[in-house]
Amino acid sequence: IVNKVPGEIVQGDKTGDEPLSESLKRYIKERDAKPGNVFIGVVHRL
């Protein structure tokens, strides 16, 4: 559970901006030094 900053999008849209779901994947991959893909499922949106 994260604290979303206004201006971020939760899931990808037509703007092409990086969504929070992808930022979170990258953050966890780097933080935990994960060699493979990180699973993040979008449950709801703001």
ModelCIF file with pLDDT and N, C-alpha, C, O atoms, coordinates in Angstrom:
data_MODEL
#
_entry.id   MODEL 
#
_entity.id                         1 
_entity.type                       polymer 
_entity.pdbx_number_of_molecules   1 
#
_entity_poly.entity_id                      1 
_entity_poly.type                           'polypeptide(L)' 
_entity_poly.nstd_linkage                   no 
_entity_poly.nstd_monomer                   no 
_entity_poly.pdbx_seq_one_letter_code       IVNKVPGEIVQGDKTGDEPLSESLKRYIKERDAKPGNVFIGVVHRL 
_entity_poly.pdbx_seq_one_letter_code_can   IVNKVPGEIVQGDKTGDEPLSESLKRYIKERDAKPGNVFIGVVHRL 
_entity_poly.pdbx_strand_id                 A 
#
loop_
_entity_poly_seq.entity_id 
_entity_poly_seq.num 
_entity_poly_seq.mon_id 
_entity_poly_seq.hetero 
1 1  ILE n 
1 2  VAL n 
1 3  ASN n 
1 4  LYS n 
1 5  VAL n 
1 6  PRO n 
1 7  GLY n 
1 8  GLU n 
1 9  ILE n 
1 10 VAL n 
1 11 GLN n 
1 12 GLY n 
1 13 ASP n 
1 14 LYS n 
1 15 THR n 
1 16 GLY n 
1 17 ASP n 
1 18 GLU n 
1 19 PRO n 
1 20 LEU n 
1 21 SER n 
1 22 GLU n 
1 23 SER n 
1 24 LEU n 
1 25 LYS n 
1 26 ARG n 
1 27 TYR n 
1 28 ILE n 
1 29 LYS n 
1 30 GLU n 
1 31 ARG n 
1 32 ASP n 
1 33 ALA n 
1 34 LYS n 
1 35 PRO n 
1 36 GLY n 
1 37 ASN n 
1 38 VAL n 
1 39 PHE n 
1 40 ILE n 
1 41 GLY n 
1 42 VAL n 
1 43 VAL n 
1 44 HIS n 
1 45 ARG n 
1 46 LEU n 
#
_struct_asym.id          A 
_struct_asym.entity_id   1 
#
loop_
_ma_qa_metric.id 
_ma_qa_metric.mode 
_ma_qa_metric.name 
_ma_qa_metric.software_group_id 
_ma_qa_metric.type 
1 global pLDDT . pLDDT 
2 local  pLDDT . pLDDT 
#
_ma_qa_metric_global.metric_id      1 
_ma_qa_metric_global.metric_value   92.09 
_ma_qa_metric_global.model_id       1 
_ma_qa_metric_global.ordinal_id     1 
#
loop_
_ma_qa_metric_local.label_asym_id 
_ma_qa_metric_local.label_comp_id 
_ma_qa_metric_local.label_seq_id 
_ma_qa_metric_local.metric_id 
_ma_qa_metric_local.metric_value 
_ma_qa_metric_local.model_id 
_ma_qa_metric_local.ordinal_id 
A ILE 1  2 98.00 1 1  
A VAL 2  2 97.00 1 2  
A ASN 3  2 97.00 1 3  
A LYS 4  2 97.00 1 4  
A VAL 5  2 94.00 1 5  
A PRO 6  2 94.00 1 6  
A GLY 7  2 92.00 1 7  
A GLU 8  2 94.00 1 8  
A ILE 9  2 93.00 1 9  
A VAL 10 2 93.00 1 10 
A GLN 11 2 86.00 1 11 
A GLY 12 2 77.00 1 12 
A ASP 13 2 79.00 1 13 
A LYS 14 2 78.00 1 14 
A THR 15 2 78.00 1 15 
A GLY 16 2 80.00 1 16 
A ASP 17 2 86.00 1 17 
A GLU 18 2 93.00 1 18 
A PRO 19 2 93.00 1 19 
A LEU 20 2 95.00 1 20 
A SER 21 2 95.00 1 21 
A GLU 22 2 95.00 1 22 
A SER 23 2 95.00 1 23 
A LEU 24 2 96.00 1 24 
A LYS 25 2 95.00 1 25 
A ARG 26 2 95.00 1 26 
A TYR 27 2 95.00 1 27 
A ILE 28 2 96.00 1 28 
A LYS 29 2 95.00 1 29 
A GLU 30 2 95.00 1 30 
A ARG 31 2 94.00 1 31 
A ASP 32 2 93.00 1 32 
A ALA 33 2 94.00 1 33 
A LYS 34 2 90.00 1 34 
A PRO 35 2 89.00 1 35 
A GLY 36 2 89.00 1 36 
A ASN 37 2 91.00 1 37 
A VAL 38 2 94.00 1 38 
A PHE 39 2 96.00 1 39 
A ILE 40 2 96.00 1 40 
A GLY 41 2 96.00 1 41 
A VAL 42 2 96.00 1 42 
A VAL 43 2 94.00 1 43 
A HIS 44 2 93.00 1 44 
A ARG 45 2 92.00 1 45 
A LEU 46 2 93.00 1 46 
#
loop_
_atom_site.group_PDB 
_atom_site.id 
_atom_site.type_symbol 
_atom_site.label_atom_id 
_atom_site.label_alt_id 
_atom_site.label_comp_id 
_atom_site.label_asym_id 
_atom_site.label_entity_id 
_atom_site.label_seq_id 
_atom_site.pdbx_PDB_ins_code 
_atom_site.Cartn_x 
_atom_site.Cartn_y 
_atom_site.Cartn_z 
_atom_site.occupancy 
_atom_site.B_iso_or_equiv 
_atom_site.pdbx_formal_charge 
_atom_site.auth_seq_id 
_atom_site.auth_comp_id 
_atom_site.auth_asym_id 
_atom_site.auth_atom_id 
_atom_site.pdbx_PDB_model_num 
ATOM 1   N N  . ILE A 1 1  ? 0.866  -1.182  0.000   1.00 98.00 ? 1  ILE A N  1 
ATOM 2   C CA . ILE A 1 1  ? 0.000  0.000   0.000   1.00 98.00 ? 1  ILE A CA 1 
ATOM 3   C C  . ILE A 1 1  ? 0.898  1.226   0.000   1.00 98.00 ? 1  ILE A C  1 
ATOM 4   O O  . ILE A 1 1  ? 1.759  1.376   0.867   1.00 98.00 ? 1  ILE A O  1 
ATOM 5   N N  . VAL A 1 2  ? 0.695  2.098   -0.971  1.00 97.00 ? 2  VAL A N  1 
ATOM 6   C CA . VAL A 1 2  ? 1.553  3.269   -1.102  1.00 97.00 ? 2  VAL A CA 1 
ATOM 7   C C  . VAL A 1 2  ? 0.733  4.551   -1.038  1.00 97.00 ? 2  VAL A C  1 
ATOM 8   O O  . VAL A 1 2  ? -0.483 4.550   -1.228  1.00 97.00 ? 2  VAL A O  1 
ATOM 9   N N  . ASN A 1 3  ? 1.438  5.640   -0.763  1.00 97.00 ? 3  ASN A N  1 
ATOM 10  C CA . ASN A 1 3  ? 0.819  6.962   -0.729  1.00 97.00 ? 3  ASN A CA 1 
ATOM 11  C C  . ASN A 1 3  ? 1.051  7.623   -2.076  1.00 97.00 ? 3  ASN A C  1 
ATOM 12  O O  . ASN A 1 3  ? 2.152  8.094   -2.361  1.00 97.00 ? 3  ASN A O  1 
ATOM 13  N N  . LYS A 1 4  ? 0.014  7.659   -2.906  1.00 97.00 ? 4  LYS A N  1 
ATOM 14  C CA . LYS A 1 4  ? 0.117  8.233   -4.247  1.00 97.00 ? 4  LYS A CA 1 
ATOM 15  C C  . LYS A 1 4  ? 0.230  9.751   -4.171  1.00 97.00 ? 4  LYS A C  1 
ATOM 16  O O  . LYS A 1 4  ? -0.463 10.401  -3.388  1.00 97.00 ? 4  LYS A O  1 
ATOM 17  N N  . VAL A 1 5  ? 1.108  10.297  -4.990  1.00 94.00 ? 5  VAL A N  1 
ATOM 18  C CA . VAL A 1 5  ? 1.263  11.742  -5.096  1.00 94.00 ? 5  VAL A CA 1 
ATOM 19  C C  . VAL A 1 5  ? 0.309  12.262  -6.175  1.00 94.00 ? 5  VAL A C  1 
ATOM 20  O O  . VAL A 1 5  ? 0.217  11.656  -7.243  1.00 94.00 ? 5  VAL A O  1 
ATOM 21  N N  . PRO A 1 6  ? -0.407 13.374  -5.928  1.00 94.00 ? 6  PRO A N  1 
ATOM 22  C CA . PRO A 1 6  ? -1.251 13.942  -6.991  1.00 94.00 ? 6  PRO A CA 1 
ATOM 23  C C  . PRO A 1 6  ? -0.433 14.182  -8.254  1.00 94.00 ? 6  PRO A C  1 
ATOM 24  O O  . PRO A 1 6  ? 0.701  14.658  -8.193  1.00 94.00 ? 6  PRO A O  1 
ATOM 25  N N  . GLY A 1 7  ? -1.017 13.850  -9.389  1.00 92.00 ? 7  GLY A N  1 
ATOM 26  C CA . GLY A 1 7  ? -0.318 13.988  -10.655 1.00 92.00 ? 7  GLY A CA 1 
ATOM 27  C C  . GLY A 1 7  ? 0.149  12.662  -11.213 1.00 92.00 ? 7  GLY A C  1 
ATOM 28  O O  . GLY A 1 7  ? 0.351  12.533  -12.420 1.00 92.00 ? 7  GLY A O  1 
ATOM 29  N N  . GLU A 1 8  ? 0.325  11.664  -10.343 1.00 94.00 ? 8  GLU A N  1 
ATOM 30  C CA . GLU A 1 8  ? 0.688  10.332  -10.810 1.00 94.00 ? 8  GLU A CA 1 
ATOM 31  C C  . GLU A 1 8  ? -0.555 9.613   -11.339 1.00 94.00 ? 8  GLU A C  1 
ATOM 32  O O  . GLU A 1 8  ? -1.670 9.855   -10.878 1.00 94.00 ? 8  GLU A O  1 
ATOM 33  N N  . ILE A 1 9  ? -0.341 8.726   -12.316 1.00 93.00 ? 9  ILE A N  1 
ATOM 34  C CA . ILE A 1 9  ? -1.413 7.849   -12.767 1.00 93.00 ? 9  ILE A CA 1 
ATOM 35  C C  . ILE A 1 9  ? -1.146 6.464   -12.190 1.00 93.00 ? 9  ILE A C  1 
ATOM 36  O O  . ILE A 1 9  ? 0.007  6.046   -12.085 1.00 93.00 ? 9  ILE A O  1 
ATOM 37  N N  . VAL A 1 10 ? -2.196 5.757   -11.817 1.00 93.00 ? 10 VAL A N  1 
ATOM 38  C CA . VAL A 1 10 ? -2.042 4.440   -11.195 1.00 93.00 ? 10 VAL A CA 1 
ATOM 39  C C  . VAL A 1 10 ? -1.713 3.386   -12.244 1.00 93.00 ? 10 VAL A C  1 
ATOM 40  O O  . VAL A 1 10 ? -0.861 2.525   -12.025 1.00 93.00 ? 10 VAL A O  1 
ATOM 41  N N  . GLN A 1 11 ? -2.386 3.458   -13.372 1.00 86.00 ? 11 GLN A N  1 
ATOM 42  C CA . GLN A 1 11 ? -2.211 2.481   -14.440 1.00 86.00 ? 11 GLN A CA 1 
ATOM 43  C C  . GLN A 1 11 ? -2.014 3.222   -15.758 1.00 86.00 ? 11 GLN A C  1 
ATOM 44  O O  . GLN A 1 11 ? -2.491 4.346   -15.915 1.00 86.00 ? 11 GLN A O  1 
ATOM 45  N N  . GLY A 1 12 ? -1.315 2.600   -16.706 1.00 77.00 ? 12 GLY A N  1 
ATOM 46  C CA . GLY A 1 12 ? -1.016 3.254   -17.971 1.00 77.00 ? 12 GLY A CA 1 
ATOM 47  C C  . GLY A 1 12 ? -2.251 3.759   -18.697 1.00 77.00 ? 12 GLY A C  1 
ATOM 48  O O  . GLY A 1 12 ? -3.309 3.131   -18.646 1.00 77.00 ? 12 GLY A O  1 
ATOM 49  N N  . ASP A 1 13 ? -2.117 4.898   -19.374 1.00 79.00 ? 13 ASP A N  1 
ATOM 50  C CA . ASP A 1 13 ? -3.219 5.448   -20.163 1.00 79.00 ? 13 ASP A CA 1 
ATOM 51  C C  . ASP A 1 13 ? -2.670 6.046   -21.458 1.00 79.00 ? 13 ASP A C  1 
ATOM 52  O O  . ASP A 1 13 ? -1.500 5.857   -21.791 1.00 79.00 ? 13 ASP A O  1 
ATOM 53  N N  . LYS A 1 14 ? -3.514 6.761   -22.174 1.00 78.00 ? 14 LYS A N  1 
ATOM 54  C CA . LYS A 1 14 ? -3.133 7.259   -23.490 1.00 78.00 ? 14 LYS A CA 1 
ATOM 55  C C  . LYS A 1 14 ? -2.063 8.340   -23.440 1.00 78.00 ? 14 LYS A C  1 
ATOM 56  O O  . LYS A 1 14 ? -1.490 8.676   -24.476 1.00 78.00 ? 14 LYS A O  1 
ATOM 57  N N  . THR A 1 15 ? -1.775 8.897   -22.255 1.00 78.00 ? 15 THR A N  1 
ATOM 58  C CA . THR A 1 15 ? -0.733 9.924   -22.161 1.00 78.00 ? 15 THR A CA 1 
ATOM 59  C C  . THR A 1 15 ? 0.652  9.336   -22.386 1.00 78.00 ? 15 THR A C  1 
ATOM 60  O O  . THR A 1 15 ? 1.571  10.039  -22.807 1.00 78.00 ? 15 THR A O  1 
ATOM 61  N N  . GLY A 1 16 ? 0.800  8.046   -22.103 1.00 80.00 ? 16 GLY A N  1 
ATOM 62  C CA . GLY A 1 16 ? 2.114  7.422   -22.220 1.00 80.00 ? 16 GLY A CA 1 
ATOM 63  C C  . GLY A 1 16 ? 3.018  7.679   -21.033 1.00 80.00 ? 16 GLY A C  1 
ATOM 64  O O  . GLY A 1 16 ? 4.155  7.208   -21.016 1.00 80.00 ? 16 GLY A O  1 
ATOM 65  N N  . ASP A 1 17 ? 2.539  8.421   -20.028 1.00 86.00 ? 17 ASP A N  1 
ATOM 66  C CA . ASP A 1 17 ? 3.339  8.671   -18.825 1.00 86.00 ? 17 ASP A CA 1 
ATOM 67  C C  . ASP A 1 17 ? 3.512  7.379   -18.035 1.00 86.00 ? 17 ASP A C  1 
ATOM 68  O O  . ASP A 1 17 ? 2.637  6.512   -18.046 1.00 86.00 ? 17 ASP A O  1 
ATOM 69  N N  . GLU A 1 18 ? 4.646  7.257   -17.349 1.00 93.00 ? 18 GLU A N  1 
ATOM 70  C CA . GLU A 1 18 ? 4.874  6.039   -16.568 1.00 93.00 ? 18 GLU A CA 1 
ATOM 71  C C  . GLU A 1 18 ? 3.893  5.980   -15.394 1.00 93.00 ? 18 GLU A C  1 
ATOM 72  O O  . GLU A 1 18 ? 3.823  6.919   -14.601 1.00 93.00 ? 18 GLU A O  1 
ATOM 73  N N  . PRO A 1 19 ? 3.143  4.894   -15.279 1.00 93.00 ? 19 PRO A N  1 
ATOM 74  C CA . PRO A 1 19 ? 2.195  4.789   -14.167 1.00 93.00 ? 19 PRO A CA 1 
ATOM 75  C C  . PRO A 1 19 ? 2.877  4.365   -12.878 1.00 93.00 ? 19 PRO A C  1 
ATOM 76  O O  . PRO A 1 19 ? 4.002  3.864   -12.875 1.00 93.00 ? 19 PRO A O  1 
ATOM 77  N N  . LEU A 1 20 ? 2.162  4.583   -11.786 1.00 95.00 ? 20 LEU A N  1 
ATOM 78  C CA . LEU A 1 20 ? 2.672  4.211   -10.466 1.00 95.00 ? 20 LEU A CA 1 
ATOM 79  C C  . LEU A 1 20 ? 2.956  2.716   -10.379 1.00 95.00 ? 20 LEU A C  1 
ATOM 80  O O  . LEU A 1 20 ? 3.901  2.304   -9.707  1.00 95.00 ? 20 LEU A O  1 
ATOM 81  N N  . SER A 1 21 ? 2.149  1.904   -11.052 1.00 95.00 ? 21 SER A N  1 
ATOM 82  C CA . SER A 1 21 ? 2.369  0.451   -11.017 1.00 95.00 ? 21 SER A CA 1 
ATOM 83  C C  . SER A 1 21 ? 3.741  0.088   -11.572 1.00 95.00 ? 21 SER A C  1 
ATOM 84  O O  . SER A 1 21 ? 4.404  -0.800  -11.036 1.00 95.00 ? 21 SER A O  1 
ATOM 85  N N  . GLU A 1 22 ? 4.179  0.759   -12.636 1.00 95.00 ? 22 GLU A N  1 
ATOM 86  C CA . GLU A 1 22 ? 5.495  0.478   -13.214 1.00 95.00 ? 22 GLU A CA 1 
ATOM 87  C C  . GLU A 1 22 ? 6.620  1.063   -12.365 1.00 95.00 ? 22 GLU A C  1 
ATOM 88  O O  . GLU A 1 22 ? 7.672  0.443   -12.209 1.00 95.00 ? 22 GLU A O  1 
ATOM 89  N N  . SER A 1 23 ? 6.399  2.252   -11.818 1.00 95.00 ? 23 SER A N  1 
ATOM 90  C CA . SER A 1 23 ? 7.396  2.842   -10.920 1.00 95.00 ? 23 SER A CA 1 
ATOM 91  C C  . SER A 1 23 ? 7.619  1.942   -9.711  1.00 95.00 ? 23 SER A C  1 
ATOM 92  O O  . SER A 1 23 ? 8.743  1.782   -9.235  1.00 95.00 ? 23 SER A O  1 
ATOM 93  N N  . LEU A 1 24 ? 6.529  1.361   -9.227  1.00 96.00 ? 24 LEU A N  1 
ATOM 94  C CA . LEU A 1 24 ? 6.617  0.483   -8.066  1.00 96.00 ? 24 LEU A CA 1 
ATOM 95  C C  . LEU A 1 24 ? 7.379  -0.797  -8.394  1.00 96.00 ? 24 LEU A C  1 
ATOM 96  O O  . LEU A 1 24 ? 8.173  -1.274  -7.584  1.00 96.00 ? 24 LEU A O  1 
ATOM 97  N N  . LYS A 1 25 ? 7.136  -1.354  -9.586  1.00 95.00 ? 25 LYS A N  1 
ATOM 98  C CA . LYS A 1 25 ? 7.893  -2.537  -10.007 1.00 95.00 ? 25 LYS A CA 1 
ATOM 99  C C  . LYS A 1 25 ? 9.394  -2.245  -10.024 1.00 95.00 ? 25 LYS A C  1 
ATOM 100 O O  . LYS A 1 25 ? 10.199 -3.021  -9.509  1.00 95.00 ? 25 LYS A O  1 
ATOM 101 N N  . ARG A 1 26 ? 9.749  -1.116  -10.625 1.00 95.00 ? 26 ARG A N  1 
ATOM 102 C CA . ARG A 1 26 ? 11.162 -0.755  -10.715 1.00 95.00 ? 26 ARG A CA 1 
ATOM 103 C C  . ARG A 1 26 ? 11.760 -0.522  -9.336  1.00 95.00 ? 26 ARG A C  1 
ATOM 104 O O  . ARG A 1 26 ? 12.892 -0.926  -9.069  1.00 95.00 ? 26 ARG A O  1 
ATOM 105 N N  . TYR A 1 27 ? 11.006 0.125   -8.467  1.00 95.00 ? 27 TYR A N  1 
ATOM 106 C CA . TYR A 1 27 ? 11.483 0.400   -7.110  1.00 95.00 ? 27 TYR A CA 1 
ATOM 107 C C  . TYR A 1 27 ? 11.767 -0.901  -6.353  1.00 95.00 ? 27 TYR A C  1 
ATOM 108 O O  . TYR A 1 27 ? 12.821 -1.048  -5.734  1.00 95.00 ? 27 TYR A O  1 
ATOM 109 N N  . ILE A 1 28 ? 10.817 -1.842  -6.408  1.00 96.00 ? 28 ILE A N  1 
ATOM 110 C CA . ILE A 1 28 ? 10.992 -3.109  -5.687  1.00 96.00 ? 28 ILE A CA 1 
ATOM 111 C C  . ILE A 1 28 ? 12.134 -3.917  -6.285  1.00 96.00 ? 28 ILE A C  1 
ATOM 112 O O  . ILE A 1 28 ? 12.900 -4.544  -5.554  1.00 96.00 ? 28 ILE A O  1 
ATOM 113 N N  . LYS A 1 29 ? 12.253 -3.908  -7.605  1.00 95.00 ? 29 LYS A N  1 
ATOM 114 C CA . LYS A 1 29 ? 13.323 -4.659  -8.267  1.00 95.00 ? 29 LYS A CA 1 
ATOM 115 C C  . LYS A 1 29 ? 14.695 -4.161  -7.818  1.00 95.00 ? 29 LYS A C  1 
ATOM 116 O O  . LYS A 1 29 ? 15.600 -4.951  -7.551  1.00 95.00 ? 29 LYS A O  1 
ATOM 117 N N  . GLU A 1 30 ? 14.832 -2.832  -7.740  1.00 95.00 ? 30 GLU A N  1 
ATOM 118 C CA . GLU A 1 30 ? 16.106 -2.250  -7.317  1.00 95.00 ? 30 GLU A CA 1 
ATOM 119 C C  . GLU A 1 30 ? 16.328 -2.424  -5.816  1.00 95.00 ? 30 GLU A C  1 
ATOM 120 O O  . GLU A 1 30 ? 17.429 -2.763  -5.383  1.00 95.00 ? 30 GLU A O  1 
ATOM 121 N N  . ARG A 1 31 ? 15.292 -2.193  -5.035  1.00 94.00 ? 31 ARG A N  1 
ATOM 122 C CA . ARG A 1 31 ? 15.431 -2.299  -3.580  1.00 94.00 ? 31 ARG A CA 1 
ATOM 123 C C  . ARG A 1 31 ? 15.806 -3.699  -3.149  1.00 94.00 ? 31 ARG A C  1 
ATOM 124 O O  . ARG A 1 31 ? 16.676 -3.879  -2.297  1.00 94.00 ? 31 ARG A O  1 
ATOM 125 N N  . ASP A 1 32 ? 15.148 -4.707  -3.740  1.00 93.00 ? 32 ASP A N  1 
ATOM 126 C CA . ASP A 1 32 ? 15.350 -6.093  -3.320  1.00 93.00 ? 32 ASP A CA 1 
ATOM 127 C C  . ASP A 1 32 ? 16.345 -6.837  -4.211  1.00 93.00 ? 32 ASP A C  1 
ATOM 128 O O  . ASP A 1 32 ? 16.575 -8.033  -4.027  1.00 93.00 ? 32 ASP A O  1 
ATOM 129 N N  . ALA A 1 33 ? 16.929 -6.134  -5.167  1.00 94.00 ? 33 ALA A N  1 
ATOM 130 C CA . ALA A 1 33 ? 17.889 -6.741  -6.103  1.00 94.00 ? 33 ALA A CA 1 
ATOM 131 C C  . ALA A 1 33 ? 17.319 -8.014  -6.726  1.00 94.00 ? 33 ALA A C  1 
ATOM 132 O O  . ALA A 1 33 ? 17.979 -9.053  -6.755  1.00 94.00 ? 33 ALA A O  1 
ATOM 133 N N  . LYS A 1 34 ? 16.094 -7.918  -7.219  1.00 90.00 ? 34 LYS A N  1 
ATOM 134 C CA . LYS A 1 34 ? 15.425 -9.083  -7.813  1.00 90.00 ? 34 LYS A CA 1 
ATOM 135 C C  . LYS A 1 34 ? 15.949 -9.314  -9.236  1.00 90.00 ? 34 LYS A C  1 
ATOM 136 O O  . LYS A 1 34 ? 15.990 -8.380  -10.036 1.00 90.00 ? 34 LYS A O  1 
ATOM 137 N N  . PRO A 1 35 ? 16.345 -10.535 -9.552  1.00 89.00 ? 35 PRO A N  1 
ATOM 138 C CA . PRO A 1 35 ? 16.873 -10.809 -10.896 1.00 89.00 ? 35 PRO A CA 1 
ATOM 139 C C  . PRO A 1 35 ? 15.786 -10.908 -11.970 1.00 89.00 ? 35 PRO A C  1 
ATOM 140 O O  . PRO A 1 35 ? 16.043 -10.594 -13.132 1.00 89.00 ? 35 PRO A O  1 
ATOM 141 N N  . GLY A 1 36 ? 14.580 -11.339 -11.600 1.00 89.00 ? 36 GLY A N  1 
ATOM 142 C CA . GLY A 1 36 ? 13.506 -11.525 -12.575 1.00 89.00 ? 36 GLY A CA 1 
ATOM 143 C C  . GLY A 1 36 ? 12.493 -10.405 -12.538 1.00 89.00 ? 36 GLY A C  1 
ATOM 144 O O  . GLY A 1 36 ? 12.730 -9.345  -11.960 1.00 89.00 ? 36 GLY A O  1 
ATOM 145 N N  . ASN A 1 37 ? 11.356 -10.661 -13.169 1.00 91.00 ? 37 ASN A N  1 
ATOM 146 C CA . ASN A 1 37 ? 10.287 -9.674  -13.198 1.00 91.00 ? 37 ASN A CA 1 
ATOM 147 C C  . ASN A 1 37 ? 9.601  -9.559  -11.838 1.00 91.00 ? 37 ASN A C  1 
ATOM 148 O O  . ASN A 1 37 ? 9.537  -10.527 -11.080 1.00 91.00 ? 37 ASN A O  1 
ATOM 149 N N  . VAL A 1 38 ? 9.100  -8.387  -11.544 1.00 94.00 ? 38 VAL A N  1 
ATOM 150 C CA . VAL A 1 38 ? 8.350  -8.128  -10.316 1.00 94.00 ? 38 VAL A CA 1 
ATOM 151 C C  . VAL A 1 38 ? 6.865  -8.084  -10.673 1.00 94.00 ? 38 VAL A C  1 
ATOM 152 O O  . VAL A 1 38 ? 6.469  -7.410  -11.623 1.00 94.00 ? 38 VAL A O  1 
ATOM 153 N N  . PHE A 1 39 ? 6.050  -8.804  -9.909  1.00 96.00 ? 39 PHE A N  1 
ATOM 154 C CA . PHE A 1 39 ? 4.602  -8.800  -10.138 1.00 96.00 ? 39 PHE A CA 1 
ATOM 155 C C  . PHE A 1 39 ? 3.952  -7.698  -9.311  1.00 96.00 ? 39 PHE A C  1 
ATOM 156 O O  . PHE A 1 39 ? 4.112  -7.648  -8.091  1.00 96.00 ? 39 PHE A O  1 
ATOM 157 N N  . ILE A 1 40 ? 3.225  -6.824  -9.977  1.00 96.00 ? 40 ILE A N  1 
ATOM 158 C CA . ILE A 1 40 ? 2.394  -5.824  -9.300  1.00 96.00 ? 40 ILE A CA 1 
ATOM 159 C C  . ILE A 1 40 ? 1.034  -5.817  -9.989  1.00 96.00 ? 40 ILE A C  1 
ATOM 160 O O  . ILE A 1 40 ? 0.940  -5.544  -11.185 1.00 96.00 ? 40 ILE A O  1 
ATOM 161 N N  . GLY A 1 41 ? -0.012 -6.117  -9.234  1.00 96.00 ? 41 GLY A N  1 
ATOM 162 C CA . GLY A 1 41 ? -1.362 -6.130  -9.772  1.00 96.00 ? 41 GLY A CA 1 
ATOM 163 C C  . GLY A 1 41 ? -2.140 -4.909  -9.327  1.00 96.00 ? 41 GLY A C  1 
ATOM 164 O O  . GLY A 1 41 ? -2.169 -4.581  -8.141  1.00 96.00 ? 41 GLY A O  1 
ATOM 165 N N  . VAL A 1 42 ? -2.774 -4.234  -10.281 1.00 96.00 ? 42 VAL A N  1 
ATOM 166 C CA . VAL A 1 42 ? -3.582 -3.052  -9.978  1.00 96.00 ? 42 VAL A CA 1 
ATOM 167 C C  . VAL A 1 42 ? -4.960 -3.499  -9.503  1.00 96.00 ? 42 VAL A C  1 
ATOM 168 O O  . VAL A 1 42 ? -5.673 -4.209  -10.213 1.00 96.00 ? 42 VAL A O  1 
ATOM 169 N N  . VAL A 1 43 ? -5.320 -3.082  -8.313  1.00 94.00 ? 43 VAL A N  1 
ATOM 170 C CA . VAL A 1 43 ? -6.578 -3.491  -7.687  1.00 94.00 ? 43 VAL A CA 1 
ATOM 171 C C  . VAL A 1 43 ? -7.650 -2.413  -7.841  1.00 94.00 ? 43 VAL A C  1 
ATOM 172 O O  . VAL A 1 43 ? -8.817 -2.724  -8.076  1.00 94.00 ? 43 VAL A O  1 
ATOM 173 N N  . HIS A 1 44 ? -7.259 -1.169  -7.710  1.00 93.00 ? 44 HIS A N  1 
ATOM 174 C CA . HIS A 1 44 ? -8.195 -0.039  -7.853  1.00 93.00 ? 44 HIS A CA 1 
ATOM 175 C C  . HIS A 1 44 ? -7.400 1.173   -8.307  1.00 93.00 ? 44 HIS A C  1 
ATOM 176 O O  . HIS A 1 44 ? -6.173 1.113   -8.395  1.00 93.00 ? 44 HIS A O  1 
ATOM 177 N N  . ARG A 1 45 ? -8.079 2.263   -8.594  1.00 92.00 ? 45 ARG A N  1 
ATOM 178 C CA . ARG A 1 45 ? -7.425 3.450   -9.128  1.00 92.00 ? 45 ARG A CA 1 
ATOM 179 C C  . ARG A 1 45 ? -7.852 4.701   -8.382  1.00 92.00 ? 45 ARG A C  1 
ATOM 180 O O  . ARG A 1 45 ? -8.886 4.731   -7.714  1.00 92.00 ? 45 ARG A O  1 
ATOM 181 N N  . LEU A 1 46 ? -7.035 5.726   -8.512  1.00 93.00 ? 46 LEU A N  1 
ATOM 182 C CA . LEU A 1 46 ? -7.398 7.071   -8.076  1.00 93.00 ? 46 LEU A CA 1 
ATOM 183 C C  . LEU A 1 46 ? -7.242 8.001   -9.270  1.00 93.00 ? 46 LEU A C  1 
ATOM 184 O O  . LEU A 1 46 ? -7.491 9.201   -9.154  1.00 93.00 ? 46 LEU A O  1 
#
